[in-house]
């Protein structure tokens, strides 16, 4: 029974982005990225963020960093993709995720604009490897 649980968890990690590990995220604040947008524009970043909420009506997901700065992503296209849609079923507010996104720009109100690539629960990445 335990082995099947481990196989399920490993399959979930592979489905959501098995290339990531617990140390593959950068320790950058969202406000620092917004203030230096010229050096980050077009780059893909992986940050350790917490889930604020998922809005199923407007198809938005909002994460926040350790200084409570929010970043919002439009996830309508991801929700239409059957493989990626299942990742949204187990989202929990306040839980930490490694969020990978491409930085696009900063809006007029100082809000960073980006495209969400993937998100993986940090707890899954910190599981010990082995038999």
Protein backbone atom coordinates (compact mmCIF):
# COMPACT_ATOMS: atom_id res chain seq x y z
CA UNK A 1 0.00 0.00 0.00
CA UNK A 2 2.79 2.45 0.84
CA UNK A 3 4.64 1.73 -2.37
CA UNK A 4 1.61 2.52 -4.51
CA UNK A 5 1.32 5.84 -2.66
CA UNK A 6 4.94 6.65 -3.45
CA UNK A 7 4.44 5.76 -7.09
CA UNK A 8 1.43 8.06 -7.23
CA UNK A 9 3.39 10.94 -5.69
CA UNK A 10 6.30 10.45 -8.06
CA UNK A 11 3.93 10.35 -11.04
CA UNK A 12 2.37 13.59 -9.83
CA UNK A 13 5.79 15.22 -9.63
CA UNK A 14 6.64 14.06 -13.14
CA UNK A 15 3.30 15.28 -14.47
CA UNK A 16 3.69 18.70 -12.87
CA UNK A 17 7.34 19.16 -13.72
CA UNK A 18 9.63 16.39 -12.60
CA UNK A 19 12.71 18.34 -13.65
CA UNK A 20 12.43 20.56 -10.58
CA UNK A 21 13.96 19.76 -7.23
CA UNK A 22 13.54 21.45 -3.87
CA UNK A 23 16.62 23.63 -4.47
CA UNK A 24 15.76 24.73 -8.02
CA UNK A 25 14.01 27.94 -7.11
CA UNK A 26 15.46 31.39 -6.72
CA UNK A 27 15.19 33.50 -3.58
CA UNK A 28 14.04 36.75 -5.18
CA UNK A 29 11.23 39.02 -4.03
CA UNK A 30 8.57 40.00 -6.54
CA UNK A 31 9.14 43.70 -5.84
CA UNK A 32 12.84 43.29 -6.73
CA UNK A 33 11.89 41.71 -10.05
CA UNK A 34 9.42 44.55 -10.77
CA UNK A 35 11.99 47.23 -9.93
CA UNK A 36 14.62 45.61 -12.21
CA UNK A 37 12.25 44.51 -14.96
CA UNK A 38 14.74 45.23 -17.76
CA UNK A 39 17.09 42.50 -16.49
CA UNK A 40 14.30 39.94 -15.92
CA UNK A 41 12.08 40.57 -18.96
CA UNK A 42 11.68 37.44 -21.07
CA UNK A 43 13.38 35.18 -18.52
CA UNK A 44 11.77 32.15 -16.94
CA UNK A 45 11.98 32.12 -13.15
CA UNK A 46 11.08 29.59 -10.48
CA UNK A 47 10.15 31.12 -7.14
CA UNK A 48 8.95 29.75 -3.82
CA UNK A 49 5.49 31.27 -3.38
CA UNK A 50 2.33 30.58 -1.39
CA UNK A 51 -1.12 30.21 -2.90
CA UNK A 52 -3.48 33.04 -2.04
CA UNK A 53 -6.50 31.81 -3.98
CA UNK A 54 -7.82 30.27 -7.18
CA UNK A 55 -10.66 32.16 -8.84
CA UNK A 56 -12.59 29.62 -10.90
CA UNK A 57 -15.01 32.22 -12.30
CA UNK A 58 -12.43 34.54 -13.84
CA UNK A 59 -9.85 31.74 -14.25
CA UNK A 60 -7.11 33.44 -12.23
CA UNK A 61 -4.65 32.07 -9.69
CA UNK A 62 -2.89 34.36 -7.22
CA UNK A 63 0.34 33.56 -5.38
CA UNK A 64 2.27 35.72 -2.90
CA UNK A 65 5.88 35.89 -1.72
CA UNK A 66 7.30 36.15 1.81
CA UNK A 67 6.69 39.92 1.86
CA UNK A 68 3.00 39.41 0.92
CA UNK A 69 3.39 40.80 -2.60
CA UNK A 70 0.87 39.20 -4.96
CA UNK A 71 1.35 37.92 -8.48
CA UNK A 72 -1.68 36.94 -10.53
CA UNK A 73 -1.80 34.61 -13.51
CA UNK A 74 -4.48 33.95 -16.09
CA UNK A 75 -4.93 30.16 -16.16
CA UNK A 76 -7.75 29.79 -18.67
CA UNK A 77 -5.54 28.01 -21.20
CA UNK A 78 -4.12 25.69 -18.54
CA UNK A 79 -7.61 24.75 -17.36
CA UNK A 80 -8.52 23.72 -20.93
CA UNK A 81 -5.51 21.37 -21.13
CA UNK A 82 -6.57 18.01 -19.67
CA UNK A 83 -3.08 17.16 -18.39
CA UNK A 84 -2.59 20.45 -16.59
CA UNK A 85 -6.18 20.77 -15.36
CA UNK A 86 -5.73 18.00 -12.78
CA UNK A 87 -3.00 20.02 -11.04
CA UNK A 88 -5.63 22.56 -9.98
CA UNK A 89 -7.73 19.99 -8.11
CA UNK A 90 -5.45 19.83 -5.07
CA UNK A 91 -4.58 23.50 -4.59
CA UNK A 92 -4.64 24.68 -0.97
CA UNK A 93 -4.58 28.30 0.17
CA UNK A 94 -1.42 29.14 2.11
CA UNK A 95 0.49 26.10 0.85
CA UNK A 96 3.96 26.67 -0.62
CA UNK A 97 4.61 25.99 -4.28
CA UNK A 98 7.56 26.32 -6.61
CA UNK A 99 6.02 28.49 -9.31
CA UNK A 100 7.70 28.71 -12.70
CA UNK A 101 6.72 31.62 -14.93
CA UNK A 102 8.04 33.82 -17.70
CA UNK A 103 8.39 37.51 -16.85
CA UNK A 104 6.69 39.71 -19.45
CA UNK A 105 6.49 43.26 -18.13
CA UNK A 106 5.33 45.54 -15.33
CA UNK A 107 1.93 47.20 -15.67
CA UNK A 108 1.11 50.84 -15.07
CA UNK A 109 0.22 50.22 -11.42
CA UNK A 110 3.47 48.38 -10.72
CA UNK A 111 1.90 44.95 -11.05
CA UNK A 112 4.17 42.38 -12.64
CA UNK A 113 2.83 40.60 -15.71
CA UNK A 114 3.93 37.06 -16.49
CA UNK A 115 2.91 33.76 -18.05
CA UNK A 116 2.51 30.78 -15.72
CA UNK A 117 4.38 27.69 -16.89
CA UNK A 118 3.94 25.28 -13.97
CA UNK A 119 3.60 25.01 -10.23
CA UNK A 120 4.64 22.14 -7.99
CA UNK A 121 3.87 21.77 -4.28
CA UNK A 122 7.11 22.31 -2.39
CA UNK A 123 6.29 19.36 -0.12
CA UNK A 124 6.42 16.97 -3.10
CA UNK A 125 9.86 18.23 -4.08
CA UNK A 126 11.24 17.72 -0.58
CA UNK A 127 10.30 14.04 -0.33
CA UNK A 128 13.33 11.81 0.19
CA UNK A 129 14.38 9.73 -2.77
CA UNK A 130 15.01 6.03 -2.45
CA UNK A 131 13.28 2.69 -2.41
